[in-house]
């Protein structure tokens, strides 16, 4: 079994747009090709950015 780990750092004002794109485009495309989302986490940083991590 293989796991793909993706890590993004985005400006905090961009998080909502990023999440909509992920849920409407990326995730359905990955599921269509046999992938399964294990988990997705977000953590706000002090410098007005947010870390987004998905497995």
N, C-alpha and C. Protein backbone atom coordinates (compact mmCIF):
# COMPACT_ATOMS: atom_id res chain seq x y z
N UNK A 1 0.84 -1.16 0.00
CA UNK A 1 0.00 0.00 0.00
C UNK A 1 0.90 1.24 0.00
N UNK A 2 0.50 2.24 -0.76
CA UNK A 2 1.23 3.49 -0.85
C UNK A 2 0.40 4.61 -0.22
N UNK A 3 1.08 5.55 0.41
CA UNK A 3 0.43 6.73 0.95
C UNK A 3 1.08 7.96 0.31
N UNK A 4 0.26 8.91 -0.04
CA UNK A 4 0.76 10.17 -0.56
C UNK A 4 0.51 11.24 0.49
N UNK A 5 1.54 11.99 0.77
CA UNK A 5 1.46 13.03 1.79
C UNK A 5 1.62 14.38 1.10
N UNK A 6 0.65 15.26 1.29
CA UNK A 6 0.71 16.59 0.70
C UNK A 6 0.69 17.63 1.82
N UNK A 7 1.53 18.65 1.67
CA UNK A 7 1.69 19.67 2.69
C UNK A 7 1.65 21.02 2.00
N UNK A 8 0.76 21.89 2.42
CA UNK A 8 0.61 23.21 1.83
C UNK A 8 0.70 24.26 2.93
N UNK A 9 1.27 25.40 2.60
CA UNK A 9 1.24 26.58 3.48
C UNK A 9 0.61 27.69 2.65
N UNK A 10 -0.57 28.15 3.07
CA UNK A 10 -1.29 29.17 2.31
C UNK A 10 -1.60 30.35 3.23
N UNK A 11 -1.81 31.51 2.61
CA UNK A 11 -2.22 32.68 3.39
C UNK A 11 -3.59 32.40 4.00
N UNK A 12 -3.79 32.85 5.21
CA UNK A 12 -5.02 32.54 5.93
C UNK A 12 -6.27 33.02 5.21
N UNK A 13 -6.20 34.11 4.47
CA UNK A 13 -7.34 34.60 3.71
C UNK A 13 -7.69 33.74 2.51
N UNK A 14 -6.81 32.84 2.12
CA UNK A 14 -6.99 31.99 0.95
C UNK A 14 -7.51 30.60 1.33
N UNK A 15 -7.60 30.30 2.62
CA UNK A 15 -7.95 28.95 3.08
C UNK A 15 -9.33 28.51 2.57
N UNK A 16 -10.32 29.37 2.66
CA UNK A 16 -11.68 28.99 2.23
C UNK A 16 -11.71 28.65 0.74
N UNK A 17 -11.06 29.45 -0.09
CA UNK A 17 -10.99 29.19 -1.53
C UNK A 17 -10.27 27.87 -1.78
N UNK A 18 -9.17 27.65 -1.06
CA UNK A 18 -8.40 26.41 -1.20
C UNK A 18 -9.25 25.20 -0.83
N UNK A 19 -10.02 25.29 0.27
CA UNK A 19 -10.85 24.18 0.70
C UNK A 19 -11.96 23.87 -0.30
N UNK A 20 -12.57 24.91 -0.88
CA UNK A 20 -13.61 24.70 -1.89
C UNK A 20 -13.02 23.98 -3.10
N UNK A 21 -11.86 24.43 -3.55
CA UNK A 21 -11.20 23.77 -4.69
C UNK A 21 -10.87 22.31 -4.37
N UNK A 22 -10.35 22.07 -3.16
CA UNK A 22 -10.02 20.71 -2.77
C UNK A 22 -11.26 19.81 -2.77
N UNK A 23 -12.35 20.28 -2.15
CA UNK A 23 -13.55 19.47 -2.02
C UNK A 23 -14.30 19.28 -3.34
N UNK A 24 -14.26 20.28 -4.22
CA UNK A 24 -15.03 20.21 -5.47
C UNK A 24 -14.24 19.65 -6.65
N UNK A 25 -12.91 19.75 -6.61
CA UNK A 25 -12.10 19.34 -7.76
C UNK A 25 -11.10 18.22 -7.42
N UNK A 26 -10.20 18.51 -6.48
CA UNK A 26 -9.11 17.57 -6.20
C UNK A 26 -9.61 16.23 -5.64
N UNK A 27 -10.39 16.28 -4.58
CA UNK A 27 -10.83 15.05 -3.93
C UNK A 27 -11.68 14.17 -4.85
N UNK A 28 -12.68 14.70 -5.56
CA UNK A 28 -13.44 13.83 -6.47
C UNK A 28 -12.56 13.21 -7.56
N UNK A 29 -11.60 13.97 -8.07
CA UNK A 29 -10.71 13.43 -9.10
C UNK A 29 -9.84 12.30 -8.54
N UNK A 30 -9.34 12.47 -7.33
CA UNK A 30 -8.51 11.43 -6.72
C UNK A 30 -9.33 10.19 -6.40
N UNK A 31 -10.53 10.35 -5.88
CA UNK A 31 -11.40 9.21 -5.58
C UNK A 31 -11.76 8.47 -6.86
N UNK A 32 -12.01 9.20 -7.93
CA UNK A 32 -12.33 8.60 -9.23
C UNK A 32 -11.22 7.66 -9.70
N UNK A 33 -9.98 7.97 -9.33
CA UNK A 33 -8.84 7.16 -9.75
C UNK A 33 -8.38 6.19 -8.66
N UNK A 34 -9.23 5.94 -7.67
CA UNK A 34 -8.96 4.89 -6.69
C UNK A 34 -8.29 5.32 -5.40
N UNK A 35 -8.07 6.60 -5.20
CA UNK A 35 -7.43 7.06 -3.97
C UNK A 35 -8.45 7.11 -2.84
N UNK A 36 -7.94 7.12 -1.62
CA UNK A 36 -8.79 7.22 -0.44
C UNK A 36 -8.15 8.21 0.52
N UNK A 37 -8.92 9.17 0.98
CA UNK A 37 -8.41 10.17 1.91
C UNK A 37 -8.34 9.58 3.31
N UNK A 38 -7.15 9.56 3.89
CA UNK A 38 -6.97 9.06 5.25
C UNK A 38 -7.33 10.16 6.24
N UNK A 39 -6.83 11.36 5.98
CA UNK A 39 -7.13 12.48 6.87
C UNK A 39 -6.60 13.78 6.31
N UNK A 40 -7.14 14.87 6.84
CA UNK A 40 -6.72 16.21 6.40
C UNK A 40 -6.79 17.12 7.61
N UNK A 41 -5.68 17.83 7.87
CA UNK A 41 -5.58 18.67 9.05
C UNK A 41 -5.14 20.07 8.68
N UNK A 42 -5.58 21.06 9.45
CA UNK A 42 -5.19 22.44 9.24
C UNK A 42 -4.73 23.04 10.57
N UNK A 43 -3.69 23.87 10.49
CA UNK A 43 -3.15 24.53 11.69
C UNK A 43 -2.81 25.97 11.33
N UNK A 44 -3.40 26.91 12.05
CA UNK A 44 -3.11 28.32 11.84
C UNK A 44 -1.75 28.66 12.45
N UNK A 45 -0.97 29.45 11.72
CA UNK A 45 0.34 29.92 12.19
C UNK A 45 0.23 31.37 12.64
N UNK A 46 1.26 31.84 13.34
CA UNK A 46 1.29 33.22 13.83
C UNK A 46 1.55 34.24 12.73
N UNK A 47 2.08 33.82 11.59
CA UNK A 47 2.46 34.76 10.53
C UNK A 47 1.38 34.91 9.45
N UNK A 48 0.11 34.74 9.85
CA UNK A 48 -1.04 34.90 8.94
C UNK A 48 -1.04 33.87 7.81
N UNK A 49 -0.51 32.67 8.09
CA UNK A 49 -0.59 31.57 7.15
C UNK A 49 -1.24 30.38 7.85
N UNK A 50 -1.65 29.41 7.05
CA UNK A 50 -2.24 28.18 7.57
C UNK A 50 -1.55 26.99 6.91
N UNK A 51 -1.17 26.01 7.70
CA UNK A 51 -0.61 24.77 7.18
C UNK A 51 -1.74 23.79 6.94
N UNK A 52 -1.75 23.16 5.77
CA UNK A 52 -2.76 22.15 5.43
C UNK A 52 -2.01 20.89 5.06
N UNK A 53 -2.34 19.80 5.73
CA UNK A 53 -1.63 18.53 5.58
C UNK A 53 -2.67 17.45 5.28
N UNK A 54 -2.43 16.67 4.23
CA UNK A 54 -3.37 15.61 3.86
C UNK A 54 -2.61 14.31 3.58
N UNK A 55 -3.21 13.20 3.97
CA UNK A 55 -2.67 11.86 3.66
C UNK A 55 -3.74 11.11 2.91
